[in-house]
Amino acid sequence: MAGRDEPTAKGRPRLRIQNARKSFDSRVVVDVGDLVFGEHPIEGLIGPNGAGKTTLLRLIMHSTALDHGRITLLDGNGAYDADDGRVLSNMRTHEIVRLGVVKSNQVIQDFEPLTIYDSLLLAVATRRDERPYRVLSENRLWRQHAEEIWEYVDRSGFGRLTGYAKSAGEKKLLDIVRCLLLKPKILLLDEPTAGLPGEVRDRLMSFIKELATQRNISVVIVEHDLNVIWTLSDYVHFMAEGSVILQGEPDWLRGHKTVVEKYLGTGHVRD
């Protein structure tokens, strides 16, 4: 495993996962001793199907409960082993989102009757805005958030707001834009490019890279399109049988014997 004496960027928001364990029907799905996400702008999380990647992200968001363990959000100002971070393990998902930890959906979820415009406004609405007597708050929400909505729509490749997200790719893209509107400190992307045309995928990933490096958002990507992982990630974690067993820079990990044998095959190894 590649060594880690000090975080590469102490100013970045980070997640520390300690002694995290989850079993289903006596089968251990996640067993992580000590893992930190966010020491680099964009980090990939790869591994075979069933390795526990999506479950680990769900444990972070507490949409799946830990059997035991601790997950802590460090705001970027503390030491690597700080005890003054915010413990997420006992929080509800919406509370975790408010702290700036946001996850996209692996399985497409959408409000079919809503236009793209309505769906994006819903992302920026507060609980107060959703009460019946606030029905006239739509124009105010648009005025407050129009600039950022247009930025994300233009940069991600949508180009229209009045229609509906119909294809799988459009729904996936809409989900990611909604995540960005929540102003994440840490953005967990679960198979973000699934269903996206190549041009849209490249434009979106370029924008994600810009957000990570220029706006200090820590991004973790689970992605089966390994070309995205190798070209976009600054650092990669390899997960197998519930545990992160290797970590390192993309080129180093790509050529590692264990990763090749367990996951890649020789076709992904550069000459």
C-alpha atoms as a PDB file:
ATOM      1  CA  MET A   1       0.000   0.000   0.000  1.00  0.00           C
ATOM      2  CA  ALA A   2       1.304   3.428  -0.868  1.00  0.00           C
ATOM      3  CA  GLY A   3       2.460   5.235   2.261  1.00  0.00           C
ATOM      4  CA  ARG A   4       0.665   8.189   3.817  1.00  0.00           C
ATOM      5  CA  ASP A   5       2.522  10.113   6.500  1.00  0.00           C
ATOM      6  CA  GLU A   6       0.793  13.462   6.064  1.00  0.00           C
ATOM      7  CA  PRO A   7      -2.259  14.585   4.071  1.00  0.00           C
ATOM      8  CA  THR A   8      -1.314  16.174   0.788  1.00  0.00           C
ATOM      9  CA  ALA A   9      -3.694  19.075   1.327  1.00  0.00           C
ATOM     10  CA  LYS A  10      -4.560  19.921   4.934  1.00  0.00           C
ATOM     11  CA  GLY A  11      -6.899  22.654   3.753  1.00  0.00           C
ATOM     12  CA  ARG A  12      -9.298  20.247   2.058  1.00  0.00           C
ATOM     13  CA  PRO A  13     -12.496  18.910   3.645  1.00  0.00           C
ATOM     14  CA  ARG A  14     -12.012  15.221   4.428  1.00  0.00           C
ATOM     15  CA  LEU A  15     -13.861  12.150   5.642  1.00  0.00           C
ATOM     16  CA  ARG A  16     -12.253   9.739   8.051  1.00  0.00           C
ATOM     17  CA  ILE A  17     -13.716   6.231   8.261  1.00  0.00           C
ATOM     18  CA  GLN A  18     -12.656   4.190  11.275  1.00  0.00           C
ATOM     19  CA  ASN A  19     -13.450   0.551  12.096  1.00  0.00           C
ATOM     20  CA  ALA A  20     -16.481   0.658   9.793  1.00  0.00           C
ATOM     21  CA  ARG A  21     -18.214  -2.675   9.402  1.00  0.00           C
ATOM     22  CA  LYS A  22     -21.446  -3.749   7.719  1.00  0.00           C
ATOM     23  CA  SER A  23     -22.876  -7.232   7.230  1.00  0.00           C
ATOM     24  CA  PHE A  24     -25.951  -8.499   5.433  1.00  0.00           C
ATOM     25  CA  ASP A  25     -27.217 -11.972   6.350  1.00  0.00           C
ATOM     26  CA  SER A  26     -23.934 -12.769   8.138  1.00  0.00           C
ATOM     27  CA  ARG A  27     -21.911 -11.777   5.064  1.00  0.00           C
ATOM     28  CA  VAL A  28     -19.421  -8.981   5.685  1.00  0.00           C
ATOM     29  CA  VAL A  29     -19.866  -6.406   2.928  1.00  0.00           C
ATOM     30  CA  VAL A  30     -17.716  -3.564   4.305  1.00  0.00           C
ATOM     31  CA  ASP A  31     -14.819  -3.882   6.732  1.00  0.00           C
ATOM     32  CA  VAL A  32     -12.666  -0.729   6.717  1.00  0.00           C
ATOM     33  CA  GLY A  33     -10.154  -0.118   9.491  1.00  0.00           C
ATOM     34  CA  ASP A  34      -8.913   3.419   8.827  1.00  0.00           C
ATOM     35  CA  LEU A  35      -9.504   5.275   5.584  1.00  0.00           C
ATOM     36  CA  VAL A  36      -9.436   8.965   4.668  1.00  0.00           C
ATOM     37  CA  PHE A  37     -11.164  10.480   1.639  1.00  0.00           C
ATOM     38  CA  GLY A  38     -10.356  14.027   0.542  1.00  0.00           C
ATOM     39  CA  GLU A  39      -6.610  14.343   0.807  1.00  0.00           C
ATOM     40  CA  HIS A  40      -6.602  14.938  -2.959  1.00  0.00           C
ATOM     41  CA  PRO A  41      -9.036  16.916  -5.136  1.00  0.00           C
ATOM     42  CA  ILE A  42     -10.464  13.874  -6.952  1.00  0.00           C
ATOM     43  CA  GLU A  43     -10.144  10.322  -5.675  1.00  0.00           C
ATOM     44  CA  GLY A  44     -11.336   7.193  -7.437  1.00  0.00           C
ATOM     45  CA  LEU A  45     -12.803   4.176  -5.640  1.00  0.00           C
ATOM     46  CA  ILE A  46     -12.613   1.052  -7.783  1.00  0.00           C
ATOM     47  CA  GLY A  47     -12.967  -2.685  -7.363  1.00  0.00           C
ATOM     48  CA  PRO A  48     -14.858  -5.732  -8.592  1.00  0.00           C
ATOM     49  CA  ASN A  49     -18.641  -5.966  -8.444  1.00  0.00           C
ATOM     50  CA  GLY A  50     -19.640  -6.772  -4.885  1.00  0.00           C
ATOM     51  CA  ALA A  51     -16.495  -5.230  -3.408  1.00  0.00           C
ATOM     52  CA  GLY A  52     -18.589  -2.927  -1.190  1.00  0.00           C
ATOM     53  CA  LYS A  53     -18.000   0.418  -2.924  1.00  0.00           C
ATOM     54  CA  THR A  54     -21.588   1.639  -3.111  1.00  0.00           C
ATOM     55  CA  THR A  55     -22.351   0.278   0.350  1.00  0.00           C
ATOM     56  CA  LEU A  56     -19.419   2.261   1.729  1.00  0.00           C
ATOM     57  CA  LEU A  57     -20.791   5.464   0.201  1.00  0.00           C
ATOM     58  CA  ARG A  58     -24.220   4.680   1.623  1.00  0.00           C
ATOM     59  CA  LEU A  59     -22.685   4.158   5.058  1.00  0.00           C
ATOM     60  CA  ILE A  60     -21.091   7.607   4.831  1.00  0.00           C
ATOM     61  CA  MET A  61     -24.502   9.129   4.082  1.00  0.00           C
ATOM     62  CA  HIS A  62     -26.197   6.980   6.753  1.00  0.00           C
ATOM     63  CA  SER A  63     -28.759   5.790   4.231  1.00  0.00           C
ATOM     64  CA  THR A  64     -27.433   2.410   5.374  1.00  0.00           C
ATOM     65  CA  ALA A  65     -26.559   2.060   9.055  1.00  0.00           C
ATOM     66  CA  LEU A  66     -23.158   0.883  10.271  1.00  0.00           C
ATOM     67  CA  ASP A  67     -22.990  -2.242  12.397  1.00  0.00           C
ATOM     68  CA  HIS A  68     -20.247  -0.414  14.218  1.00  0.00           C
ATOM     69  CA  GLY A  69     -17.565   2.173  13.511  1.00  0.00           C
ATOM     70  CA  ARG A  70     -17.217   5.910  13.149  1.00  0.00           C
ATOM     71  CA  ILE A  71     -17.283   8.316  10.209  1.00  0.00           C
ATOM     72  CA  THR A  72     -16.074  11.861  10.807  1.00  0.00           C
ATOM     73  CA  LEU A  73     -16.160  14.985   8.658  1.00  0.00           C
ATOM     74  CA  LEU A  74     -13.039  17.133   9.021  1.00  0.00           C
ATOM     75  CA  ASP A  75     -13.525  20.656   7.746  1.00  0.00           C
ATOM     76  CA  GLY A  76      -9.979  20.979   6.444  1.00  0.00           C
ATOM     77  CA  ASN A  77      -8.547  23.085   9.244  1.00  0.00           C
ATOM     78  CA  GLY A  78      -7.752  20.384  11.783  1.00  0.00           C
ATOM     79  CA  ALA A  79      -4.877  17.940  12.063  1.00  0.00           C
ATOM     80  CA  TYR A  80      -4.973  14.579  10.346  1.00  0.00           C
ATOM     81  CA  ASP A  81      -5.960  12.770  13.554  1.00  0.00           C
ATOM     82  CA  ALA A  82      -8.247  15.529  14.843  1.00  0.00           C
ATOM     83  CA  ASP A  83     -10.986  14.517  17.268  1.00  0.00           C
ATOM     84  CA  ASP A  84     -12.918  17.752  16.816  1.00  0.00           C
ATOM     85  CA  GLY A  85     -14.549  16.869  13.506  1.00  0.00           C
ATOM     86  CA  ARG A  86     -18.274  16.277  13.089  1.00  0.00           C
ATOM     87  CA  VAL A  87     -19.224  12.642  13.645  1.00  0.00           C
ATOM     88  CA  LEU A  88     -21.671  11.658  10.909  1.00  0.00           C
ATOM     89  CA  SER A  89     -22.379   8.111  12.011  1.00  0.00           C
ATOM     90  CA  ASN A  90     -25.426   8.952  14.143  1.00  0.00           C
ATOM     91  CA  MET A  91     -26.823  11.753  11.992  1.00  0.00           C
ATOM     92  CA  ARG A  92     -29.733  11.548   9.600  1.00  0.00           C
ATOM     93  CA  THR A  93     -28.998  11.785   5.905  1.00  0.00           C
ATOM     94  CA  HIS A  94     -30.498  15.273   5.495  1.00  0.00           C
ATOM     95  CA  GLU A  95     -28.360  16.527   8.381  1.00  0.00           C
ATOM     96  CA  ILE A  96     -25.239  15.129   6.712  1.00  0.00           C
ATOM     97  CA  VAL A  97     -26.189  16.872   3.468  1.00  0.00           C
ATOM     98  CA  ARG A  98     -26.555  20.180   5.310  1.00  0.00           C
ATOM     99  CA  LEU A  99     -22.981  19.800   6.538  1.00  0.00           C
ATOM    100  CA  GLY A 100     -21.852  19.564   2.916  1.00  0.00           C
ATOM    101  CA  VAL A 101     -21.503  15.822   2.273  1.00  0.00           C
ATOM    102  CA  VAL A 102     -23.578  15.007  -0.818  1.00  0.00           C
ATOM    103  CA  LYS A 103     -23.967  11.787  -2.835  1.00  0.00           C
ATOM    104  CA  SER A 104     -25.364  11.201  -6.309  1.00  0.00           C
ATOM    105  CA  ASN A 105     -27.560   8.179  -6.975  1.00  0.00           C
ATOM    106  CA  GLN A 106     -26.228   5.029  -8.572  1.00  0.00           C
ATOM    107  CA  VAL A 107     -29.772   3.995  -9.515  1.00  0.00           C
ATOM    108  CA  ILE A 108     -31.606   6.780 -11.303  1.00  0.00           C
ATOM    109  CA  GLN A 109     -34.208   8.498  -9.137  1.00  0.00           C
ATOM    110  CA  ASP A 110     -36.358  11.257 -10.530  1.00  0.00           C
ATOM    111  CA  PHE A 111     -39.658  13.078 -10.198  1.00  0.00           C
ATOM    112  CA  GLU A 112     -41.157  12.169 -13.553  1.00  0.00           C
ATOM    113  CA  PRO A 113     -43.826  14.950 -13.695  1.00  0.00           C
ATOM    114  CA  LEU A 114     -41.316  17.731 -12.988  1.00  0.00           C
ATOM    115  CA  THR A 115     -39.580  19.730 -15.692  1.00  0.00           C
ATOM    116  CA  ILE A 116     -35.818  20.218 -15.437  1.00  0.00           C
ATOM    117  CA  TYR A 117     -36.516  23.749 -14.184  1.00  0.00           C
ATOM    118  CA  ASP A 118     -38.840  22.541 -11.415  1.00  0.00           C
ATOM    119  CA  SER A 119     -36.492  19.771 -10.379  1.00  0.00           C
ATOM    120  CA  LEU A 120     -33.568  22.171 -10.001  1.00  0.00           C
ATOM    121  CA  LEU A 121     -35.650  24.654  -8.025  1.00  0.00           C
ATOM    122  CA  LEU A 122     -36.649  21.834  -5.707  1.00  0.00           C
ATOM    123  CA  ALA A 123     -32.967  21.155  -5.049  1.00  0.00           C
ATOM    124  CA  VAL A 124     -32.407  24.681  -3.721  1.00  0.00           C
ATOM    125  CA  ALA A 125     -35.691  24.909  -1.809  1.00  0.00           C
ATOM    126  CA  THR A 126     -35.644  24.759   1.983  1.00  0.00           C
ATOM    127  CA  ARG A 127     -38.235  23.020   4.123  1.00  0.00           C
ATOM    128  CA  ARG A 128     -39.868  26.408   4.668  1.00  0.00           C
ATOM    129  CA  ASP A 129     -40.221  26.884   0.903  1.00  0.00           C
ATOM    130  CA  GLU A 130     -42.020  23.544   0.580  1.00  0.00           C
ATOM    131  CA  ARG A 131     -44.872  24.483   2.922  1.00  0.00           C
ATOM    132  CA  PRO A 132     -48.229  25.101   1.203  1.00  0.00           C
ATOM    133  CA  TYR A 133     -48.409  28.787   2.123  1.00  0.00           C
ATOM    134  CA  ARG A 134     -45.010  29.321   0.411  1.00  0.00           C
ATOM    135  CA  VAL A 135     -46.381  28.312  -2.979  1.00  0.00           C
ATOM    136  CA  LEU A 136     -45.517  31.740  -4.391  1.00  0.00           C
ATOM    137  CA  SER A 137     -41.822  31.462  -3.445  1.00  0.00           C
ATOM    138  CA  GLU A 138     -40.810  30.089  -6.859  1.00  0.00           C
ATOM    139  CA  ASN A 139     -39.898  33.453  -8.393  1.00  0.00           C
ATOM    140  CA  ARG A 140     -37.851  34.397  -5.343  1.00  0.00           C
ATOM    141  CA  LEU A 141     -35.964  31.083  -5.469  1.00  0.00           C
ATOM    142  CA  TRP A 142     -35.200  31.587  -9.134  1.00  0.00           C
ATOM    143  CA  ARG A 143     -33.900  35.117  -8.571  1.00  0.00           C
ATOM    144  CA  GLN A 144     -31.654  33.906  -5.751  1.00  0.00           C
ATOM    145  CA  HIS A 145     -30.220  30.916  -7.607  1.00  0.00           C
ATOM    146  CA  ALA A 146     -30.563  31.680 -11.330  1.00  0.00           C
ATOM    147  CA  GLU A 147     -26.880  32.472 -11.823  1.00  0.00           C
ATOM    148  CA  GLU A 148     -25.589  29.215 -10.358  1.00  0.00           C
ATOM    149  CA  ILE A 149     -28.352  27.147 -11.975  1.00  0.00           C
ATOM    150  CA  TRP A 150     -27.450  28.535 -15.411  1.00  0.00           C
ATOM    151  CA  GLU A 151     -23.745  27.958 -14.752  1.00  0.00           C
ATOM    152  CA  TYR A 152     -24.271  24.294 -13.891  1.00  0.00           C
ATOM    153  CA  VAL A 153     -26.762  23.751 -16.715  1.00  0.00           C
ATOM    154  CA  ASP A 154     -24.449  25.333 -19.309  1.00  0.00           C
ATOM    155  CA  ARG A 155     -21.287  23.622 -18.092  1.00  0.00           C
ATOM    156  CA  SER A 156     -22.863  20.198 -17.749  1.00  0.00           C
ATOM    157  CA  GLY A 157     -24.372  20.245 -21.222  1.00  0.00           C
ATOM    158  CA  PHE A 158     -28.108  20.557 -20.660  1.00  0.00           C
ATOM    159  CA  GLY A 159     -28.964  23.708 -22.595  1.00  0.00           C
ATOM    160  CA  ARG A 160     -32.669  23.784 -21.781  1.00  0.00           C
ATOM    161  CA  LEU A 161     -34.814  23.976 -18.663  1.00  0.00           C
ATOM    162  CA  THR A 162     -38.394  23.750 -19.859  1.00  0.00           C
ATOM    163  CA  GLY A 163     -38.306  20.152 -21.027  1.00  0.00           C
ATOM    164  CA  TYR A 164     -38.074  16.866 -19.153  1.00  0.00           C
ATOM    165  CA  ALA A 165     -35.155  14.580 -18.426  1.00  0.00           C
ATOM    166  CA  LYS A 166     -36.242  11.536 -20.422  1.00  0.00           C
ATOM    167  CA  SER A 167     -33.208   9.407 -21.188  1.00  0.00           C
ATOM    168  CA  ALA A 168     -31.137   7.611 -18.567  1.00  0.00           C
ATOM    169  CA  GLY A 169     -28.226   9.925 -19.324  1.00  0.00           C
ATOM    170  CA  GLU A 170     -30.311  13.084 -18.911  1.00  0.00           C
ATOM    171  CA  LYS A 171     -31.672  11.851 -15.594  1.00  0.00           C
ATOM    172  CA  LYS A 172     -28.183  11.006 -14.378  1.00  0.00           C
ATOM    173  CA  LEU A 173     -26.967  14.454 -15.422  1.00  0.00           C
ATOM    174  CA  LEU A 174     -29.892  16.147 -13.694  1.00  0.00           C
ATOM    175  CA  ASP A 175     -29.109  14.250 -10.491  1.00  0.00           C
ATOM    176  CA  ILE A 176     -25.503  15.497 -10.543  1.00  0.00           C
ATOM    177  CA  VAL A 177     -26.564  19.115 -11.152  1.00  0.00           C
ATOM    178  CA  ARG A 178     -28.954  18.858  -8.197  1.00  0.00           C
ATOM    179  CA  CYS A 179     -26.043  17.631  -6.063  1.00  0.00           C
ATOM    180  CA  LEU A 180     -23.911  20.608  -7.127  1.00  0.00           C
ATOM    181  CA  LEU A 181     -26.685  23.040  -6.215  1.00  0.00           C
ATOM    182  CA  LEU A 182     -26.494  21.737  -2.642  1.00  0.00           C
ATOM    183  CA  LYS A 183     -23.017  23.363  -2.419  1.00  0.00           C
ATOM    184  CA  PRO A 184     -21.098  20.258  -1.395  1.00  0.00           C
ATOM    185  CA  LYS A 185     -17.829  20.276   0.495  1.00  0.00           C
ATOM    186  CA  ILE A 186     -17.454  16.576  -0.253  1.00  0.00           C
ATOM    187  CA  LEU A 187     -19.136  15.165  -3.364  1.00  0.00           C
ATOM    188  CA  LEU A 188     -19.589  11.405  -3.656  1.00  0.00           C
ATOM    189  CA  LEU A 189     -20.327  10.386  -7.255  1.00  0.00           C
ATOM    190  CA  ASP A 190     -21.647   6.859  -7.800  1.00  0.00           C
ATOM    191  CA  GLU A 191     -21.201   5.855 -11.462  1.00  0.00           C
ATOM    192  CA  PRO A 192     -21.744   9.449 -12.672  1.00  0.00           C
ATOM    193  CA  THR A 193     -21.052   8.823 -16.365  1.00  0.00           C
ATOM    194  CA  ALA A 194     -23.417   5.867 -16.855  1.00  0.00           C
ATOM    195  CA  GLY A 195     -25.635   6.570 -19.855  1.00  0.00           C
ATOM    196  CA  LEU A 196     -23.907   9.810 -20.834  1.00  0.00           C
ATOM    197  CA  PRO A 197     -22.744  10.378 -24.428  1.00  0.00           C
ATOM    198  CA  GLY A 198     -18.981  10.738 -24.727  1.00  0.00           C
ATOM    199  CA  GLU A 199     -19.006  14.478 -25.411  1.00  0.00           C
ATOM    200  CA  VAL A 200     -21.314  15.209 -22.466  1.00  0.00           C
ATOM    201  CA  ARG A 201     -19.282  12.905 -20.216  1.00  0.00           C
ATOM    202  CA  ASP A 202     -16.034  14.674 -21.056  1.00  0.00           C
ATOM    203  CA  ARG A 203     -17.544  18.135 -20.567  1.00  0.00           C
ATOM    204  CA  LEU A 204     -19.044  17.158 -17.215  1.00  0.00           C
ATOM    205  CA  MET A 205     -15.874  15.536 -15.903  1.00  0.00           C
ATOM    206  CA  SER A 206     -13.834  18.581 -16.942  1.00  0.00           C
ATOM    207  CA  PHE A 207     -16.228  20.756 -14.956  1.00  0.00           C
ATOM    208  CA  ILE A 208     -16.007  18.428 -11.933  1.00  0.00           C
ATOM    209  CA  LYS A 209     -12.209  18.679 -12.112  1.00  0.00           C
ATOM    210  CA  GLU A 210     -12.459  22.464 -12.126  1.00  0.00           C
ATOM    211  CA  LEU A 211     -14.771  22.481  -9.117  1.00  0.00           C
ATOM    212  CA  ALA A 212     -12.465  20.167  -7.191  1.00  0.00           C
ATOM    213  CA  THR A 213      -9.306  22.127  -7.848  1.00  0.00           C
ATOM    214  CA  GLN A 214     -10.578  25.714  -7.889  1.00  0.00           C
ATOM    215  CA  ARG A 215     -13.445  25.604  -5.368  1.00  0.00           C
ATOM    216  CA  ASN A 216     -11.905  23.144  -2.918  1.00  0.00           C
ATOM    217  CA  ILE A 217     -14.587  20.471  -3.269  1.00  0.00           C
ATOM    218  CA  SER A 218     -13.291  17.001  -2.398  1.00  0.00           C
ATOM    219  CA  VAL A 219     -14.674  14.498  -4.916  1.00  0.00           C
ATOM    220  CA  VAL A 220     -14.833  10.702  -4.600  1.00  0.00           C
ATOM    221  CA  ILE A 221     -15.859   8.777  -7.717  1.00  0.00           C
ATOM    222  CA  VAL A 222     -17.052   5.189  -8.018  1.00  0.00           C
ATOM    223  CA  GLU A 223     -16.943   4.477 -11.743  1.00  0.00           C
ATOM    224  CA  HIS A 224     -16.748   1.396 -13.959  1.00  0.00           C
ATOM    225  CA  ASP A 225     -15.488   3.440 -16.916  1.00  0.00           C
ATOM    226  CA  LEU A 226     -11.854   3.117 -15.933  1.00  0.00           C
ATOM    227  CA  ASN A 227     -10.710   5.655 -18.509  1.00  0.00           C
ATOM    228  CA  VAL A 228     -12.540   8.240 -16.381  1.00  0.00           C
ATOM    229  CA  ILE A 229     -10.754   6.986 -13.263  1.00  0.00           C
ATOM    230  CA  TRP A 230      -7.275   6.972 -14.810  1.00  0.00           C
ATOM    231  CA  THR A 231      -7.557  10.380 -16.470  1.00  0.00           C
ATOM    232  CA  LEU A 232      -9.528  12.274 -13.823  1.00  0.00           C
ATOM    233  CA  SER A 233      -8.361  10.964 -10.458  1.00  0.00           C
ATOM    234  CA  ASP A 234      -5.425  12.320  -8.497  1.00  0.00           C
ATOM    235  CA  TYR A 235      -5.438   9.262  -6.250  1.00  0.00           C
ATOM    236  CA  VAL A 236      -7.209   5.885  -6.353  1.00  0.00           C
ATOM    237  CA  HIS A 237      -8.404   3.452  -3.698  1.00  0.00           C
ATOM    238  CA  PHE A 238      -8.813  -0.217  -4.650  1.00  0.00           C
ATOM    239  CA  MET A 239     -11.479  -2.146  -2.772  1.00  0.00           C
ATOM    240  CA  ALA A 240     -11.979  -5.914  -2.713  1.00  0.00           C
ATOM    241  CA  GLU A 241     -14.114  -8.124  -0.473  1.00  0.00           C
ATOM    242  CA  GLY A 242     -15.221  -5.181   1.632  1.00  0.00           C
ATOM    243  CA  SER A 243     -11.811  -3.679   2.396  1.00  0.00           C
ATOM    244  CA  VAL A 244      -9.594  -1.057   0.792  1.00  0.00           C
ATOM    245  CA  ILE A 245      -6.455  -3.086   0.161  1.00  0.00           C
ATOM    246  CA  LEU A 246      -4.409  -0.724  -2.025  1.00  0.00           C
ATOM    247  CA  GLN A 247      -4.137   3.039  -2.468  1.00  0.00           C
ATOM    248  CA  GLY A 248      -1.942   5.154  -4.686  1.00  0.00           C
ATOM    249  CA  GLU A 249      -1.556   7.309  -7.754  1.00  0.00           C
ATOM    250  CA  PRO A 250      -3.469   6.073 -10.817  1.00  0.00           C
ATOM    251  CA  ASP A 251      -0.476   4.918 -12.877  1.00  0.00           C
ATOM    252  CA  TRP A 252       1.017   3.024  -9.941  1.00  0.00           C
ATOM    253  CA  LEU A 253      -2.252   1.323  -9.049  1.00  0.00           C
ATOM    254  CA  ARG A 254      -3.069   0.510 -12.663  1.00  0.00           C
ATOM    255  CA  GLY A 255       0.073  -1.542 -12.999  1.00  0.00           C
ATOM    256  CA  HIS A 256      -0.069  -3.263  -9.618  1.00  0.00           C
ATOM    257  CA  LYS A 257      -0.123  -7.052  -9.865  1.00  0.00           C
ATOM    258  CA  THR A 258      -2.970  -7.463  -7.361  1.00  0.00           C
ATOM    259  CA  VAL A 259      -5.226  -4.983  -9.154  1.00  0.00           C
ATOM    260  CA  VAL A 260      -4.504  -6.563 -12.527  1.00  0.00           C
ATOM    261  CA  GLU A 261      -5.204 -10.081 -11.291  1.00  0.00           C
ATOM    262  CA  LYS A 262      -8.302  -9.293  -9.233  1.00  0.00           C
ATOM    263  CA  TYR A 263      -9.926  -6.683 -11.431  1.00  0.00           C
ATOM    264  CA  LEU A 264      -8.356  -5.245 -14.573  1.00  0.00           C
ATOM    265  CA  GLY A 265      -6.876  -8.008 -16.647  1.00  0.00           C
ATOM    266  CA  THR A 266      -3.803  -7.349 -18.747  1.00  0.00           C
ATOM    267  CA  GLY A 267      -5.702  -5.178 -21.250  1.00  0.00           C
ATOM    268  CA  HIS A 268      -5.640  -2.219 -18.873  1.00  0.00           C
ATOM    269  CA  VAL A 269      -1.897  -2.335 -18.216  1.00  0.00           C
ATOM    270  CA  ARG A 270       0.185   0.125 -20.207  1.00  0.00           C
ATOM    271  CA  ASP A 271       3.199  -1.131 -22.091  1.00  0.00           C
END
